[in-house]
PDB file of N, CA and C in Angstrom:
ATOM      1  N   MET A   1      -1.232  -9.913  65.509  1.00  0.00           N
ATOM      2  CA  MET A   1      -0.789  -9.970  64.140  1.00  0.00           C
ATOM      3  C   MET A   1      -1.018  -8.598  63.534  1.00  0.00           C
ATOM      4  N   ASP A   2      -0.007  -8.099  62.842  1.00  0.00           N
ATOM      5  CA  ASP A   2      -0.097  -6.760  62.289  1.00  0.00           C
ATOM      6  C   ASP A   2       0.545  -6.750  60.907  1.00  0.00           C
ATOM      7  N   SER A   3      -0.221  -6.329  59.917  1.00  0.00           N
ATOM      8  CA  SER A   3       0.271  -6.221  58.551  1.00  0.00           C
ATOM      9  C   SER A   3       0.667  -4.780  58.277  1.00  0.00           C
ATOM     10  N   GLU A   4       1.887  -4.596  57.798  1.00  0.00           N
ATOM     11  CA  GLU A   4       2.440  -3.275  57.470  1.00  0.00           C
ATOM     12  C   GLU A   4       2.460  -2.312  58.664  1.00  0.00           C
ATOM     13  N   PRO A   5       2.901  -2.776  59.858  1.00  0.00           N
ATOM     14  CA  PRO A   5       3.004  -1.830  60.973  1.00  0.00           C
ATOM     15  C   PRO A   5       4.196  -0.901  60.762  1.00  0.00           C
ATOM     16  N   GLU A   6       4.067   0.306  61.251  1.00  0.00           N
ATOM     17  CA  GLU A   6       5.189   1.238  61.170  1.00  0.00           C
ATOM     18  C   GLU A   6       6.236   0.808  62.190  1.00  0.00           C
ATOM     19  N   VAL A   7       7.453   0.642  61.720  1.00  0.00           N
ATOM     20  CA  VAL A   7       8.579   0.278  62.574  1.00  0.00           C
ATOM     21  C   VAL A   7       9.685   1.272  62.250  1.00  0.00           C
ATOM     22  N   GLY A   8       9.922   2.192  63.170  1.00  0.00           N
ATOM     23  CA  GLY A   8      10.881   3.254  62.880  1.00  0.00           C
ATOM     24  C   GLY A   8      10.309   4.115  61.764  1.00  0.00           C
ATOM     25  N   ARG A   9      11.063   4.265  60.711  1.00  0.00           N
ATOM     26  CA  ARG A   9      10.602   5.056  59.561  1.00  0.00           C
ATOM     27  C   ARG A   9      10.231   4.164  58.381  1.00  0.00           C
ATOM     28  N   GLY A  10       9.971   2.890  58.660  1.00  0.00           N
ATOM     29  CA  GLY A  10       9.607   1.960  57.613  1.00  0.00           C
ATOM     30  C   GLY A  10       8.366   1.179  58.001  1.00  0.00           C
ATOM     31  N   TYR A  11       8.009   0.243  57.144  1.00  0.00           N
ATOM     32  CA  TYR A  11       6.825  -0.580  57.380  1.00  0.00           C
ATOM     33  C   TYR A  11       7.183  -2.043  57.171  1.00  0.00           C
ATOM     34  N   ALA A  12       7.162  -2.802  58.244  1.00  0.00           N
ATOM     35  CA  ALA A  12       7.414  -4.233  58.165  1.00  0.00           C
ATOM     36  C   ALA A  12       6.217  -4.900  57.489  1.00  0.00           C
ATOM     37  N   ASP A  13       6.473  -5.949  56.735  1.00  0.00           N
ATOM     38  CA  ASP A  13       5.370  -6.581  56.013  1.00  0.00           C
ATOM     39  C   ASP A  13       4.404  -7.325  56.935  1.00  0.00           C
ATOM     40  N   LEU A  14       4.932  -8.161  57.816  1.00  0.00           N
ATOM     41  CA  LEU A  14       4.055  -8.917  58.708  1.00  0.00           C
ATOM     42  C   LEU A  14       4.772  -9.161  60.034  1.00  0.00           C
ATOM     43  N   VAL A  15       4.119  -8.751  61.111  1.00  0.00           N
ATOM     44  CA  VAL A  15       4.663  -8.938  62.456  1.00  0.00           C
ATOM     45  C   VAL A  15       3.625  -9.688  63.279  1.00  0.00           C
ATOM     46  N   MET A  16       4.067 -10.756  63.920  1.00  0.00           N
ATOM     47  CA  MET A  16       3.196 -11.521  64.811  1.00  0.00           C
ATOM     48  C   MET A  16       3.865 -11.543  66.178  1.00  0.00           C
ATOM     49  N   ILE A  17       3.336 -10.772  67.101  1.00  0.00           N
ATOM     50  CA  ILE A  17       3.880 -10.654  68.449  1.00  0.00           C
ATOM     51  C   ILE A  17       2.920 -11.341  69.423  1.00  0.00           C
ATOM     52  N   ILE A  18       3.473 -12.191  70.256  1.00  0.00           N
ATOM     53  CA  ILE A  18       2.668 -12.939  71.212  1.00  0.00           C
ATOM     54  C   ILE A  18       2.106 -11.997  72.280  1.00  0.00           C
ATOM     55  N   ARG A  19       0.841 -12.159  72.587  1.00  0.00           N
ATOM     56  CA  ARG A  19       0.212 -11.355  73.642  1.00  0.00           C
ATOM     57  C   ARG A  19       0.881 -11.639  74.978  1.00  0.00           C
ATOM     58  N   PRO A  20       0.952 -10.641  75.845  1.00  0.00           N
ATOM     59  CA  PRO A  20       1.594 -10.840  77.159  1.00  0.00           C
ATOM     60  C   PRO A  20       1.007 -12.016  77.944  1.00  0.00           C
ATOM     61  N   ASP A  21      -0.303 -12.214  77.883  1.00  0.00           N
ATOM     62  CA  ASP A  21      -0.923 -13.300  78.644  1.00  0.00           C
ATOM     63  C   ASP A  21      -0.629 -14.677  78.057  1.00  0.00           C
ATOM     64  N   MET A  22      -0.046 -14.737  76.867  1.00  0.00           N
ATOM     65  CA  MET A  22       0.283 -16.018  76.231  1.00  0.00           C
ATOM     66  C   MET A  22       1.778 -16.323  76.267  1.00  0.00           C
ATOM     67  N   ARG A  23       2.561 -15.467  76.874  1.00  0.00           N
ATOM     68  CA  ARG A  23       4.023 -15.641  76.927  1.00  0.00           C
ATOM     69  C   ARG A  23       4.419 -16.868  77.740  1.00  0.00           C
ATOM     70  N   ARG A  24       3.525 -17.400  78.541  1.00  0.00           N
ATOM     71  CA  ARG A  24       3.859 -18.582  79.340  1.00  0.00           C
ATOM     72  C   ARG A  24       4.024 -19.819  78.452  1.00  0.00           C
ATOM     73  N   PHE A  25       3.510 -19.762  77.236  1.00  0.00           N
ATOM     74  CA  PHE A  25       3.665 -20.865  76.289  1.00  0.00           C
ATOM     75  C   PHE A  25       4.915 -20.644  75.446  1.00  0.00           C
ATOM     76  N   GLU A  26       5.453 -21.704  74.884  1.00  0.00           N
ATOM     77  CA  GLU A  26       6.650 -21.588  74.051  1.00  0.00           C
ATOM     78  C   GLU A  26       6.261 -21.292  72.608  1.00  0.00           C
ATOM     79  N   VAL A  27       5.724 -20.114  72.407  1.00  0.00           N
ATOM     80  CA  VAL A  27       5.315 -19.661  71.081  1.00  0.00           C
ATOM     81  C   VAL A  27       6.272 -18.548  70.670  1.00  0.00           C
ATOM     82  N   LEU A  28       6.588 -18.473  69.391  1.00  0.00           N
ATOM     83  CA  LEU A  28       7.567 -17.506  68.907  1.00  0.00           C
ATOM     84  C   LEU A  28       6.911 -16.241  68.373  1.00  0.00           C
ATOM     85  N   ASP A  29       7.639 -15.143  68.487  1.00  0.00           N
ATOM     86  CA  ASP A  29       7.276 -13.911  67.803  1.00  0.00           C
ATOM     87  C   ASP A  29       7.901 -14.002  66.411  1.00  0.00           C
ATOM     88  N   ILE A  30       7.189 -13.512  65.393  1.00  0.00           N
ATOM     89  CA  ILE A  30       7.634 -13.679  64.007  1.00  0.00           C
ATOM     90  C   ILE A  30       7.604 -12.336  63.285  1.00  0.00           C
ATOM     91  N   LEU A  31       8.649 -12.104  62.486  1.00  0.00           N
ATOM     92  CA  LEU A  31       8.722 -10.945  61.593  1.00  0.00           C
ATOM     93  C   LEU A  31       9.048 -11.479  60.207  1.00  0.00           C
ATOM     94  N   ILE A  32       8.191 -11.158  59.231  1.00  0.00           N
ATOM     95  CA  ILE A  32       8.383 -11.635  57.854  1.00  0.00           C
ATOM     96  C   ILE A  32       8.451 -10.438  56.918  1.00  0.00           C
ATOM     97  N   GLU A  33       9.457 -10.468  56.051  1.00  0.00           N
ATOM     98  CA  GLU A  33       9.582  -9.448  55.009  1.00  0.00           C
ATOM     99  C   GLU A  33       9.398 -10.159  53.663  1.00  0.00           C
ATOM    100  N   PHE A  34       8.399  -9.711  52.892  1.00  0.00           N
ATOM    101  CA  PHE A  34       8.067 -10.320  51.609  1.00  0.00           C
ATOM    102  C   PHE A  34       8.614  -9.493  50.449  1.00  0.00           C
ATOM    103  N   LYS A  35       9.038 -10.193  49.416  1.00  0.00           N
ATOM    104  CA  LYS A  35       9.423  -9.567  48.145  1.00  0.00           C
ATOM    105  C   LYS A  35       8.754 -10.362  47.030  1.00  0.00           C
ATOM    106  N   TYR A  36       8.606  -9.737  45.870  1.00  0.00           N
ATOM    107  CA  TYR A  36       7.920 -10.378  44.745  1.00  0.00           C
ATOM    108  C   TYR A  36       8.769 -10.249  43.480  1.00  0.00           C
ATOM    109  N   LEU A  37       8.843 -11.324  42.736  1.00  0.00           N
ATOM    110  CA  LEU A  37       9.455 -11.327  41.406  1.00  0.00           C
ATOM    111  C   LEU A  37       8.457 -11.923  40.431  1.00  0.00           C
ATOM    112  N   SER A  38       8.202 -11.219  39.348  1.00  0.00           N
ATOM    113  CA  SER A  38       7.308 -11.779  38.335  1.00  0.00           C
ATOM    114  C   SER A  38       8.074 -12.835  37.542  1.00  0.00           C
ATOM    115  N   LEU A  39       7.331 -13.719  36.917  1.00  0.00           N
ATOM    116  CA  LEU A  39       7.962 -14.741  36.083  1.00  0.00           C
ATOM    117  C   LEU A  39       8.705 -14.108  34.915  1.00  0.00           C
ATOM    118  N   ASP A  40       8.189 -12.989  34.402  1.00  0.00           N
ATOM    119  CA  ASP A  40       8.883 -12.271  33.333  1.00  0.00           C
ATOM    120  C   ASP A  40      10.256 -11.792  33.802  1.00  0.00           C
ATOM    121  N   GLU A  41      10.324 -11.258  35.037  1.00  0.00           N
ATOM    122  CA  GLU A  41      11.614 -10.809  35.576  1.00  0.00           C
ATOM    123  C   GLU A  41      12.599 -11.972  35.703  1.00  0.00           C
ATOM    124  N   LEU A  42      12.080 -13.148  35.982  1.00  0.00           N
ATOM    125  CA  LEU A  42      12.927 -14.333  36.111  1.00  0.00           C
ATOM    126  C   LEU A  42      13.275 -14.941  34.763  1.00  0.00           C
ATOM    127  N   GLY A  43      12.463 -14.658  33.757  1.00  0.00           N
ATOM    128  CA  GLY A  43      12.671 -15.271  32.446  1.00  0.00           C
ATOM    129  C   GLY A  43      12.307 -16.744  32.434  1.00  0.00           C
ATOM    130  N   LEU A  44      11.365 -17.113  33.291  1.00  0.00           N
ATOM    131  CA  LEU A  44      10.930 -18.507  33.404  1.00  0.00           C
ATOM    132  C   LEU A  44       9.416 -18.599  33.274  1.00  0.00           C
ATOM    133  N   THR A  45       8.958 -19.768  32.900  1.00  0.00           N
ATOM    134  CA  THR A  45       7.522 -20.021  32.868  1.00  0.00           C
ATOM    135  C   THR A  45       7.096 -20.582  34.226  1.00  0.00           C
ATOM    136  N   GLY A  46       5.804 -20.615  34.462  1.00  0.00           N
ATOM    137  CA  GLY A  46       5.287 -21.193  35.693  1.00  0.00           C
ATOM    138  C   GLY A  46       5.691 -22.654  35.832  1.00  0.00           C
ATOM    139  N   GLU A  47       5.651 -23.386  34.748  1.00  0.00           N
ATOM    140  CA  GLU A  47       6.024 -24.802  34.787  1.00  0.00           C
ATOM    141  C   GLU A  47       7.505 -24.964  35.130  1.00  0.00           C
ATOM    142  N   GLU A  48       8.356 -24.122  34.550  1.00  0.00           N
ATOM    143  CA  GLU A  48       9.790 -24.187  34.858  1.00  0.00           C
ATOM    144  C   GLU A  48      10.054 -23.879  36.332  1.00  0.00           C
ATOM    145  N   VAL A  49       9.348 -22.886  36.860  1.00  0.00           N
ATOM    146  CA  VAL A  49       9.522 -22.525  38.265  1.00  0.00           C
ATOM    147  C   VAL A  49       9.075 -23.671  39.165  1.00  0.00           C
ATOM    148  N   ARG A  50       7.977 -24.317  38.827  1.00  0.00           N
ATOM    149  CA  ARG A  50       7.480 -25.428  39.646  1.00  0.00           C
ATOM    150  C   ARG A  50       8.429 -26.631  39.614  1.00  0.00           C
ATOM    151  N   LYS A  51       9.107 -26.849  38.483  1.00  0.00           N
ATOM    152  CA  LYS A  51       9.979 -28.018  38.337  1.00  0.00           C
ATOM    153  C   LYS A  51      11.400 -27.786  38.841  1.00  0.00           C
ATOM    154  N   THR A  52      11.775 -26.553  39.063  1.00  0.00           N
ATOM    155  CA  THR A  52      13.135 -26.221  39.499  1.00  0.00           C
ATOM    156  C   THR A  52      13.250 -26.366  41.010  1.00  0.00           C
ATOM    157  N   SER A  53      14.372 -26.898  41.462  1.00  0.00           N
ATOM    158  CA  SER A  53      14.545 -27.089  42.914  1.00  0.00           C
ATOM    159  C   SER A  53      14.621 -25.738  43.623  1.00  0.00           C
ATOM    160  N   ARG A  54      14.288 -25.775  44.902  1.00  0.00           N
ATOM    161  CA  ARG A  54      14.332 -24.566  45.713  1.00  0.00           C
ATOM    162  C   ARG A  54      15.754 -23.989  45.755  1.00  0.00           C
ATOM    163  N   ASP A  55      16.760 -24.853  45.869  1.00  0.00           N
ATOM    164  CA  ASP A  55      18.152 -24.386  45.914  1.00  0.00           C
ATOM    165  C   ASP A  55      18.557 -23.722  44.596  1.00  0.00           C
ATOM    166  N   GLU A  56      18.131 -24.292  43.478  1.00  0.00           N
ATOM    167  CA  GLU A  56      18.442 -23.685  42.181  1.00  0.00           C
ATOM    168  C   GLU A  56      17.751 -22.327  42.035  1.00  0.00           C
ATOM    169  N   LEU A  57      16.503 -22.248  42.460  1.00  0.00           N
ATOM    170  CA  LEU A  57      15.782 -20.976  42.391  1.00  0.00           C
ATOM    171  C   LEU A  57      16.446 -19.934  43.290  1.00  0.00           C
ATOM    172  N   ARG A  58      16.844 -20.359  44.481  1.00  0.00           N
ATOM    173  CA  ARG A  58      17.469 -19.442  45.423  1.00  0.00           C
ATOM    174  C   ARG A  58      18.774 -18.879  44.875  1.00  0.00           C
ATOM    175  N   SER A  59      19.465 -19.640  44.050  1.00  0.00           N
ATOM    176  CA  SER A  59      20.758 -19.192  43.516  1.00  0.00           C
ATOM    177  C   SER A  59      20.633 -18.245  42.324  1.00  0.00           C
ATOM    178  N   LEU A  60      19.419 -18.044  41.808  1.00  0.00           N
ATOM    179  CA  LEU A  60      19.237 -17.102  40.705  1.00  0.00           C
ATOM    180  C   LEU A  60      19.562 -15.689  41.188  1.00  0.00           C
ATOM    181  N   PRO A  61      20.291 -14.903  40.384  1.00  0.00           N
ATOM    182  CA  PRO A  61      20.696 -13.566  40.824  1.00  0.00           C
ATOM    183  C   PRO A  61      19.527 -12.666  41.237  1.00  0.00           C
ATOM    184  N   GLN A  62      18.406 -12.735  40.516  1.00  0.00           N
ATOM    185  CA  GLN A  62      17.251 -11.897  40.849  1.00  0.00           C
ATOM    186  C   GLN A  62      16.675 -12.279  42.219  1.00  0.00           C
ATOM    187  N   VAL A  63      16.651 -13.576  42.498  1.00  0.00           N
ATOM    188  CA  VAL A  63      16.119 -14.057  43.774  1.00  0.00           C
ATOM    189  C   VAL A  63      17.063 -13.657  44.902  1.00  0.00           C
ATOM    190  N   GLU A  64      18.357 -13.845  44.691  1.00  0.00           N
ATOM    191  CA  GLU A  64      19.325 -13.472  45.721  1.00  0.00           C
ATOM    192  C   GLU A  64      19.266 -11.977  46.011  1.00  0.00           C
ATOM    193  N   GLU A  65      19.069 -11.175  44.986  1.00  0.00           N
ATOM    194  CA  GLU A  65      18.954  -9.723  45.188  1.00  0.00           C
ATOM    195  C   GLU A  65      17.747  -9.379  46.057  1.00  0.00           C
ATOM    196  N   LYS A  66      16.610 -10.008  45.783  1.00  0.00           N
ATOM    197  CA  LYS A  66      15.404  -9.754  46.587  1.00  0.00           C
ATOM    198  C   LYS A  66      15.578 -10.256  48.023  1.00  0.00           C
ATOM    199  N   LEU A  67      16.224 -11.414  48.186  1.00  0.00           N
ATOM    200  CA  LEU A  67      16.490 -11.907  49.535  1.00  0.00           C
ATOM    201  C   LEU A  67      17.402 -10.938  50.288  1.00  0.00           C
ATOM    202  N   ALA A  68      18.395 -10.395  49.603  1.00  0.00           N
ATOM    203  CA  ALA A  68      19.308  -9.438  50.234  1.00  0.00           C
ATOM    204  C   ALA A  68      18.555  -8.176  50.658  1.00  0.00           C
ATOM    205  N   GLN A  69      17.629  -7.713  49.823  1.00  0.00           N
ATOM    206  CA  GLN A  69      16.818  -6.542  50.185  1.00  0.00           C
ATOM    207  C   GLN A  69      15.985  -6.834  51.424  1.00  0.00           C
ATOM    208  N   ALA A  70      15.384  -8.028  51.460  1.00  0.00           N
ATOM    209  CA  ALA A  70      14.563  -8.409  52.611  1.00  0.00           C
ATOM    210  C   ALA A  70      15.417  -8.531  53.866  1.00  0.00           C
ATOM    211  N   ARG A  71      16.614  -9.132  53.750  1.00  0.00           N
ATOM    212  CA  ARG A  71      17.511  -9.245  54.910  1.00  0.00           C
ATOM    213  C   ARG A  71      17.882  -7.866  55.448  1.00  0.00           C
ATOM    214  N   ALA A  72      18.153  -6.938  54.540  1.00  0.00           N
ATOM    215  CA  ALA A  72      18.517  -5.582  54.963  1.00  0.00           C
ATOM    216  C   ALA A  72      17.377  -4.926  55.741  1.00  0.00           C
ATOM    217  N   GLN A  73      16.158  -5.073  55.251  1.00  0.00           N
ATOM    218  CA  GLN A  73      15.013  -4.498  55.954  1.00  0.00           C
ATOM    219  C   GLN A  73      14.803  -5.168  57.308  1.00  0.00           C
ATOM    220  N   LEU A  74      14.941  -6.485  57.353  1.00  0.00           N
ATOM    221  CA  LEU A  74      14.805  -7.198  58.625  1.00  0.00           C
ATOM    222  C   LEU A  74      15.866  -6.723  59.611  1.00  0.00           C
ATOM    223  N   GLY A  75      17.057  -6.449  59.104  1.00  0.00           N
ATOM    224  CA  GLY A  75      18.137  -5.957  59.959  1.00  0.00           C
ATOM    225  C   GLY A  75      17.838  -4.602  60.570  1.00  0.00           C
ATOM    226  N   LYS A  76      17.017  -3.798  59.895  1.00  0.00           N
ATOM    227  CA  LYS A  76      16.612  -2.497  60.456  1.00  0.00           C
ATOM    228  C   LYS A  76      15.460  -2.655  61.440  1.00  0.00           C
ATOM    229  N   TYR A  77      14.508  -3.524  61.118  1.00  0.00           N
ATOM    230  CA  TYR A  77      13.306  -3.651  61.945  1.00  0.00           C
ATOM    231  C   TYR A  77      13.550  -4.423  63.245  1.00  0.00           C
ATOM    232  N   ARG A  78      14.374  -5.462  63.178  1.00  0.00           N
ATOM    233  CA  ARG A  78      14.584  -6.325  64.343  1.00  0.00           C
ATOM    234  C   ARG A  78      15.018  -5.539  65.584  1.00  0.00           C
ATOM    235  N   PRO A  79      16.092  -4.723  65.511  1.00  0.00           N
ATOM    236  CA  PRO A  79      16.506  -4.013  66.729  1.00  0.00           C
ATOM    237  C   PRO A  79      15.439  -3.063  67.267  1.00  0.00           C
ATOM    238  N   LEU A  80      14.638  -2.482  66.393  1.00  0.00           N
ATOM    239  CA  LEU A  80      13.575  -1.585  66.840  1.00  0.00           C
ATOM    240  C   LEU A  80      12.497  -2.349  67.604  1.00  0.00           C
ATOM    241  N   LEU A  81      12.160  -3.534  67.123  1.00  0.00           N
ATOM    242  CA  LEU A  81      11.178  -4.364  67.834  1.00  0.00           C
ATOM    243  C   LEU A  81      11.750  -4.858  69.163  1.00  0.00           C
ATOM    244  N   GLU A  82      13.044  -5.169  69.187  1.00  0.00           N
ATOM    245  CA  GLU A  82      13.668  -5.616  70.429  1.00  0.00           C
ATOM    246  C   GLU A  82      13.640  -4.511  71.484  1.00  0.00           C
ATOM    247  N   VAL A  83      13.847  -3.280  71.057  1.00  0.00           N
ATOM    248  CA  VAL A  83      13.768  -2.159  71.996  1.00  0.00           C
ATOM    249  C   VAL A  83      12.332  -1.984  72.485  1.00  0.00           C
ATOM    250  N   LYS A  84      11.386  -2.071  71.566  1.00  0.00           N
ATOM    251  CA  LYS A  84       9.977  -1.855  71.919  1.00  0.00           C
ATOM    252  C   LYS A  84       9.452  -2.913  72.889  1.00  0.00           C
ATOM    253  N   TYR A  85       9.793  -4.198  72.653  1.00  0.00           N
ATOM    254  CA  TYR A  85       9.211  -5.283  73.447  1.00  0.00           C
ATOM    255  C   TYR A  85      10.141  -5.815  74.531  1.00  0.00           C
ATOM    256  N   GLY A  86      11.418  -5.507  74.459  1.00  0.00           N
ATOM    257  CA  GLY A  86      12.360  -5.911  75.499  1.00  0.00           C
ATOM    258  C   GLY A  86      12.743  -7.378  75.467  1.00  0.00           C
ATOM    259  N   ASP A  87      13.191  -7.854  76.615  1.00  0.00           N
ATOM    260  CA  ASP A  87      13.753  -9.200  76.733  1.00  0.00           C
ATOM    261  C   ASP A  87      12.735 -10.333  76.555  1.00  0.00           C
ATOM    262  N   VAL A  88      11.456 -10.026  76.640  1.00  0.00           N
ATOM    263  CA  VAL A  88      10.453 -11.092  76.496  1.00  0.00           C
ATOM    264  C   VAL A  88      10.308 -11.551  75.042  1.00  0.00           C
ATOM    265  N   LEU A  89      10.814 -10.762  74.113  1.00  0.00           N
ATOM    266  CA  LEU A  89      10.656 -11.058  72.687  1.00  0.00           C
ATOM    267  C   LEU A  89      11.462 -12.302  72.306  1.00  0.00           C
ATOM    268  N   ARG A  90      10.805 -13.249  71.653  1.00  0.00           N
ATOM    269  CA  ARG A  90      11.452 -14.450  71.105  1.00  0.00           C
ATOM    270  C   ARG A  90      11.303 -14.375  69.589  1.00  0.00           C
ATOM    271  N   LEU A  91      11.970 -13.392  69.001  1.00  0.00           N
ATOM    272  CA  LEU A  91      11.748 -13.034  67.604  1.00  0.00           C
ATOM    273  C   LEU A  91      12.527 -13.917  66.635  1.00  0.00           C
ATOM    274  N   HIS A  92      11.809 -14.459  65.679  1.00  0.00           N
ATOM    275  CA  HIS A  92      12.396 -15.164  64.546  1.00  0.00           C
ATOM    276  C   HIS A  92      12.022 -14.368  63.300  1.00  0.00           C
ATOM    277  N   THR A  93      12.997 -14.190  62.404  1.00  0.00           N
ATOM    278  CA  THR A  93      12.762 -13.363  61.214  1.00  0.00           C
ATOM    279  C   THR A  93      12.955 -14.205  59.955  1.00  0.00           C
ATOM    280  N   TYR A  94      12.129 -13.892  58.941  1.00  0.00           N
ATOM    281  CA  TYR A  94      12.153 -14.642  57.694  1.00  0.00           C
ATOM    282  C   TYR A  94      12.089 -13.704  56.502  1.00  0.00           C
ATOM    283  N   ALA A  95      12.945 -13.961  55.515  1.00  0.00           N
ATOM    284  CA  ALA A  95      12.899 -13.281  54.228  1.00  0.00           C
ATOM    285  C   ALA A  95      12.200 -14.237  53.259  1.00  0.00           C
ATOM    286  N   VAL A  96      11.154 -13.747  52.586  1.00  0.00           N
ATOM    287  CA  VAL A  96      10.357 -14.590  51.689  1.00  0.00           C
ATOM    288  C   VAL A  96      10.243 -13.898  50.337  1.00  0.00           C
ATOM    289  N   VAL A  97      10.559 -14.644  49.266  1.00  0.00           N
ATOM    290  CA  VAL A  97      10.419 -14.117  47.908  1.00  0.00           C
ATOM    291  C   VAL A  97       9.396 -14.968  47.180  1.00  0.00           C
ATOM    292  N   SER A  98       8.378 -14.306  46.648  1.00  0.00           N
ATOM    293  CA  SER A  98       7.363 -14.975  45.844  1.00  0.00           C
ATOM    294  C   SER A  98       7.810 -14.935  44.386  1.00  0.00           C
ATOM    295  N   LEU A  99       7.819 -16.085  43.742  1.00  0.00           N
ATOM    296  CA  LEU A  99       8.184 -16.183  42.328  1.00  0.00           C
ATOM    297  C   LEU A  99       6.885 -16.306  41.547  1.00  0.00           C
ATOM    298  N   GLY A 100       6.421 -15.162  41.063  1.00  0.00           N
ATOM    299  CA  GLY A 100       5.077 -15.127  40.510  1.00  0.00           C
ATOM    300  C   GLY A 100       4.129 -15.551  41.615  1.00  0.00           C
ATOM    301  N   PHE A 101       3.115 -16.307  41.229  1.00  0.00           N
ATOM    302  CA  PHE A 101       2.207 -16.870  42.227  1.00  0.00           C
ATOM    303  C   PHE A 101       2.391 -18.380  42.286  1.00  0.00           C
ATOM    304  N   ASN A 102       3.582 -18.823  41.845  1.00  0.00           N
ATOM    305  CA  ASN A 102       3.834 -20.243  41.700  1.00  0.00           C
ATOM    306  C   ASN A 102       4.665 -20.871  42.816  1.00  0.00           C
ATOM    307  N   ARG A 103       5.656 -20.133  43.319  1.00  0.00           N
ATOM    308  CA  ARG A 103       6.579 -20.700  44.304  1.00  0.00           C
ATOM    309  C   ARG A 103       7.021 -19.635  45.289  1.00  0.00           C
ATOM    310  N   LEU A 104       7.484 -20.102  46.434  1.00  0.00           N
ATOM    311  CA  LEU A 104       8.121 -19.243  47.444  1.00  0.00           C
ATOM    312  C   LEU A 104       9.520 -19.734  47.703  1.00  0.00           C
ATOM    313  N   VAL A 105      10.414 -18.806  47.889  1.00  0.00           N
ATOM    314  CA  VAL A 105      11.764 -19.115  48.348  1.00  0.00           C
ATOM    315  C   VAL A 105      11.938 -18.303  49.622  1.00  0.00           C
ATOM    316  N   TRP A 106      12.456 -18.931  50.683  1.00  0.00           N
ATOM    317  CA  TRP A 106      12.561 -18.216  51.948  1.00  0.00           C
ATOM    318  C   TRP A 106      13.818 -18.655  52.682  1.00  0.00           C
ATOM    319  N   GLU A 107      14.169 -17.841  53.670  1.00  0.00           N
ATOM    320  CA  GLU A 107      15.251 -18.201  54.574  1.00  0.00           C
ATOM    321  C   GLU A 107      14.987 -17.545  55.920  1.00  0.00           C
ATOM    322  N   GLU A 108      15.412 -18.231  56.952  1.00  0.00           N
ATOM    323  CA  GLU A 108      15.365 -17.616  58.276  1.00  0.00           C
ATOM    324  C   GLU A 108      16.603 -16.757  58.412  1.00  0.00           C
ATOM    325  N   VAL A 109      16.410 -15.550  58.909  1.00  0.00           N
ATOM    326  CA  VAL A 109      17.529 -14.604  59.037  1.00  0.00           C
ATOM    327  C   VAL A 109      17.900 -14.482  60.496  1.00  0.00           C
TER     328      VAL A 109
END
């Protein structure tokens, strides 16, 4: 597990790569890119964020913009990790947006 490892000329937020001796198990390698939006940026209160469905939150323009930024970064980091680790990599990537400290919106990329 590595937080903020250098990948190319950037820094991935969280990378979890399975150790070579554990590859015999069906465990996945994971790359997560995090983004943050304050409640002020959303124009919502904590209670409103908690009561709003995940799909409605995901459709907010500010959230979609942050997800798009995370997808773009994942698109740069993924091929670099694939080159570094080769065919053994079973990489799954996730874009995660924190809405204040109240909710998370995420998608697998």
